[in-house]
Amino acid sequence: MFFIFGLRTKVNRSGVVTQVCRHCGNQAAQVITRRVTKFSLFFIPLIPVRTRYAQQCTFCGAEYEISRAEAERLPVG
């Protein structure tokens, strides 16, 4: 008998907010994403292992991680 297991990451776009980019300093749209990595058994996602939030500038393409509190605080529209 054998088991098929692994990790699967799902990326959800939480929204877009207009802010000044930390990298380039331009006022541009920032895309907020949520990445959830889950342990899967027989291709069924079961246990969340890690959740990360990121913000990406649409002007320069720079992406950096943000905290959960900061992601929930942003006025997403």
N, C-alpha and C. Protein backbone atom coordinates (compact mmCIF):
# COMPACT_ATOMS: atom_id res chain seq x y z
N MET A 1 0.84 -1.16 0.00
CA MET A 1 0.00 0.00 0.00
C MET A 1 0.89 1.24 0.00
N PHE A 2 0.50 2.27 -0.73
CA PHE A 2 1.28 3.49 -0.77
C PHE A 2 0.35 4.70 -0.65
N PHE A 3 0.92 5.80 -0.21
CA PHE A 3 0.18 7.04 -0.03
C PHE A 3 0.71 8.10 -0.98
N ILE A 4 -0.20 8.87 -1.53
CA ILE A 4 0.19 10.00 -2.37
C ILE A 4 -0.07 11.27 -1.56
N PHE A 5 1.02 11.99 -1.24
CA PHE A 5 0.86 13.20 -0.45
C PHE A 5 1.79 14.29 -0.98
N GLY A 6 1.52 15.51 -0.55
CA GLY A 6 2.35 16.62 -0.99
C GLY A 6 1.81 17.94 -0.47
N LEU A 7 2.32 19.02 -1.03
CA LEU A 7 1.88 20.36 -0.67
C LEU A 7 1.29 21.03 -1.89
N ARG A 8 0.24 21.79 -1.67
CA ARG A 8 -0.40 22.52 -2.76
C ARG A 8 -0.60 23.96 -2.32
N THR A 9 -0.22 24.90 -3.17
CA THR A 9 -0.37 26.32 -2.86
C THR A 9 -1.44 26.92 -3.75
N LYS A 10 -2.37 27.63 -3.14
CA LYS A 10 -3.42 28.31 -3.87
C LYS A 10 -3.26 29.81 -3.66
N VAL A 11 -3.30 30.58 -4.74
CA VAL A 11 -3.12 32.03 -4.68
C VAL A 11 -4.47 32.69 -4.95
N ASN A 12 -4.91 33.51 -3.99
CA ASN A 12 -6.16 34.25 -4.13
C ASN A 12 -5.85 35.74 -4.17
N ARG A 13 -6.42 36.42 -5.14
CA ARG A 13 -6.25 37.87 -5.24
C ARG A 13 -7.27 38.54 -4.32
N SER A 14 -6.79 39.21 -3.29
CA SER A 14 -7.68 39.84 -2.31
C SER A 14 -8.25 41.15 -2.82
N GLY A 15 -7.50 41.87 -3.64
CA GLY A 15 -7.99 43.13 -4.17
C GLY A 15 -6.86 44.02 -4.63
N VAL A 16 -7.23 45.26 -4.94
CA VAL A 16 -6.28 46.24 -5.43
C VAL A 16 -6.46 47.52 -4.62
N VAL A 17 -5.34 48.10 -4.22
CA VAL A 17 -5.36 49.36 -3.47
C VAL A 17 -4.35 50.31 -4.11
N THR A 18 -4.65 51.61 -4.13
CA THR A 18 -3.73 52.59 -4.70
C THR A 18 -2.89 53.17 -3.57
N GLN A 19 -1.57 52.99 -3.67
CA GLN A 19 -0.63 53.45 -2.66
C GLN A 19 0.69 53.84 -3.31
N VAL A 20 1.55 54.44 -2.51
CA VAL A 20 2.91 54.73 -2.95
C VAL A 20 3.73 53.46 -2.75
N CYS A 21 4.43 53.04 -3.81
CA CYS A 21 5.25 51.82 -3.76
C CYS A 21 6.47 52.04 -2.87
N ARG A 22 6.81 51.03 -2.08
CA ARG A 22 7.99 51.08 -1.22
C ARG A 22 9.28 51.01 -2.03
N HIS A 23 9.21 50.40 -3.20
CA HIS A 23 10.41 50.18 -4.01
C HIS A 23 10.71 51.36 -4.95
N CYS A 24 9.73 51.73 -5.77
CA CYS A 24 9.97 52.76 -6.78
C CYS A 24 9.50 54.15 -6.37
N GLY A 25 8.62 54.25 -5.37
CA GLY A 25 8.15 55.53 -4.89
C GLY A 25 7.05 56.17 -5.72
N ASN A 26 6.49 55.45 -6.68
CA ASN A 26 5.40 55.97 -7.51
C ASN A 26 4.04 55.62 -6.92
N GLN A 27 3.08 56.52 -7.13
CA GLN A 27 1.69 56.25 -6.74
C GLN A 27 1.11 55.32 -7.79
N ALA A 28 0.82 54.09 -7.41
CA ALA A 28 0.34 53.10 -8.38
C ALA A 28 -0.56 52.10 -7.69
N ALA A 29 -1.27 51.32 -8.47
CA ALA A 29 -2.12 50.27 -7.94
C ALA A 29 -1.25 49.15 -7.37
N GLN A 30 -1.63 48.67 -6.21
CA GLN A 30 -0.92 47.58 -5.55
C GLN A 30 -1.89 46.39 -5.45
N VAL A 31 -1.49 45.25 -5.96
CA VAL A 31 -2.32 44.04 -5.93
C VAL A 31 -2.00 43.28 -4.65
N ILE A 32 -3.02 42.99 -3.86
CA ILE A 32 -2.87 42.24 -2.61
C ILE A 32 -3.25 40.79 -2.88
N THR A 33 -2.34 39.86 -2.57
CA THR A 33 -2.61 38.43 -2.78
C THR A 33 -2.44 37.66 -1.48
N ARG A 34 -3.16 36.56 -1.39
CA ARG A 34 -3.07 35.66 -0.23
C ARG A 34 -2.68 34.29 -0.76
N ARG A 35 -1.59 33.72 -0.22
CA ARG A 35 -1.12 32.39 -0.64
C ARG A 35 -1.28 31.43 0.53
N VAL A 36 -2.06 30.38 0.29
CA VAL A 36 -2.29 29.37 1.32
C VAL A 36 -1.68 28.05 0.84
N THR A 37 -0.75 27.51 1.62
CA THR A 37 -0.14 26.23 1.32
C THR A 37 -0.77 25.19 2.24
N LYS A 38 -1.28 24.11 1.63
CA LYS A 38 -1.95 23.05 2.40
C LYS A 38 -1.30 21.71 2.14
N PHE A 39 -1.26 20.88 3.17
CA PHE A 39 -0.84 19.50 3.04
C PHE A 39 -1.99 18.73 2.40
N SER A 40 -1.69 17.95 1.36
CA SER A 40 -2.73 17.20 0.67
C SER A 40 -2.43 15.70 0.70
N LEU A 41 -3.45 14.93 0.82
CA LEU A 41 -3.37 13.47 0.83
C LEU A 41 -4.31 12.95 -0.24
N PHE A 42 -3.79 12.20 -1.17
CA PHE A 42 -4.55 11.70 -2.33
C PHE A 42 -5.22 12.86 -3.07
N PHE A 43 -4.47 13.95 -3.26
CA PHE A 43 -4.89 15.13 -4.01
C PHE A 43 -6.04 15.89 -3.35
N ILE A 44 -6.29 15.65 -2.06
CA ILE A 44 -7.31 16.38 -1.31
C ILE A 44 -6.61 17.26 -0.30
N PRO A 45 -6.74 18.60 -0.43
CA PRO A 45 -6.09 19.50 0.53
C PRO A 45 -6.74 19.36 1.91
N LEU A 46 -5.91 19.08 2.93
CA LEU A 46 -6.44 18.81 4.26
C LEU A 46 -6.06 19.86 5.30
N ILE A 47 -4.78 20.05 5.52
CA ILE A 47 -4.31 20.86 6.64
C ILE A 47 -3.56 22.08 6.11
N PRO A 48 -3.99 23.30 6.49
CA PRO A 48 -3.21 24.48 6.10
C PRO A 48 -1.88 24.50 6.83
N VAL A 49 -0.80 24.63 6.07
CA VAL A 49 0.55 24.63 6.63
C VAL A 49 1.04 26.06 6.82
N ARG A 50 0.81 26.92 5.81
CA ARG A 50 1.31 28.29 5.87
C ARG A 50 0.40 29.21 5.08
N THR A 51 0.19 30.42 5.60
CA THR A 51 -0.55 31.46 4.90
C THR A 51 0.32 32.69 4.84
N ARG A 52 0.49 33.23 3.63
CA ARG A 52 1.33 34.41 3.44
C ARG A 52 0.57 35.44 2.62
N TYR A 53 0.82 36.70 2.90
CA TYR A 53 0.20 37.81 2.19
C TYR A 53 1.30 38.59 1.48
N ALA A 54 0.99 39.07 0.27
CA ALA A 54 1.97 39.81 -0.50
C ALA A 54 1.30 41.00 -1.17
N GLN A 55 2.12 42.00 -1.48
CA GLN A 55 1.67 43.20 -2.17
C GLN A 55 2.60 43.41 -3.34
N GLN A 56 2.03 43.59 -4.56
CA GLN A 56 2.83 43.76 -5.76
C GLN A 56 2.45 45.06 -6.46
N CYS A 57 3.47 45.84 -6.80
CA CYS A 57 3.28 47.10 -7.50
C CYS A 57 3.03 46.83 -8.98
N THR A 58 2.01 47.48 -9.55
CA THR A 58 1.72 47.29 -10.97
C THR A 58 2.60 48.18 -11.85
N PHE A 59 3.31 49.13 -11.26
CA PHE A 59 4.17 50.02 -12.04
C PHE A 59 5.54 49.39 -12.27
N CYS A 60 6.21 48.95 -11.18
CA CYS A 60 7.57 48.41 -11.31
C CYS A 60 7.63 46.88 -11.18
N GLY A 61 6.55 46.27 -10.66
CA GLY A 61 6.52 44.82 -10.54
C GLY A 61 7.14 44.28 -9.26
N ALA A 62 7.60 45.16 -8.37
CA ALA A 62 8.21 44.71 -7.12
C ALA A 62 7.15 44.06 -6.23
N GLU A 63 7.52 42.97 -5.60
CA GLU A 63 6.60 42.26 -4.71
C GLU A 63 7.26 42.07 -3.37
N TYR A 64 6.51 42.32 -2.32
CA TYR A 64 7.04 42.15 -0.97
C TYR A 64 5.94 41.62 -0.07
N GLU A 65 6.37 40.90 0.96
CA GLU A 65 5.41 40.31 1.90
C GLU A 65 4.91 41.35 2.88
N ILE A 66 3.65 41.20 3.26
CA ILE A 66 3.07 42.06 4.29
C ILE A 66 2.44 41.16 5.34
N SER A 67 2.18 41.71 6.51
CA SER A 67 1.59 40.92 7.58
C SER A 67 0.09 40.76 7.35
N ARG A 68 -0.50 39.81 8.06
CA ARG A 68 -1.94 39.57 7.95
C ARG A 68 -2.72 40.79 8.42
N ALA A 69 -2.27 41.39 9.51
CA ALA A 69 -2.95 42.57 10.04
C ALA A 69 -2.92 43.71 9.04
N GLU A 70 -1.80 43.91 8.37
CA GLU A 70 -1.68 44.97 7.37
C GLU A 70 -2.57 44.68 6.16
N ALA A 71 -2.64 43.43 5.74
CA ALA A 71 -3.48 43.06 4.60
C ALA A 71 -4.96 43.28 4.91
N GLU A 72 -5.38 42.98 6.12
CA GLU A 72 -6.78 43.17 6.50
C GLU A 72 -7.11 44.64 6.73
N ARG A 73 -6.12 45.44 7.09
CA ARG A 73 -6.32 46.86 7.37
C ARG A 73 -6.44 47.69 6.09
N LEU A 74 -5.86 47.24 5.00
CA LEU A 74 -5.86 48.02 3.75
C LEU A 74 -7.28 48.15 3.19
N PRO A 75 -7.63 49.36 2.73
CA PRO A 75 -8.96 49.56 2.13
C PRO A 75 -9.00 49.01 0.71
N VAL A 76 -9.33 47.75 0.58
CA VAL A 76 -9.33 47.08 -0.73
C VAL A 76 -10.58 47.47 -1.50
N GLY A 77 -10.37 47.83 -2.77
CA GLY A 77 -11.51 48.25 -3.58
C GLY A 77 -11.49 47.65 -4.95
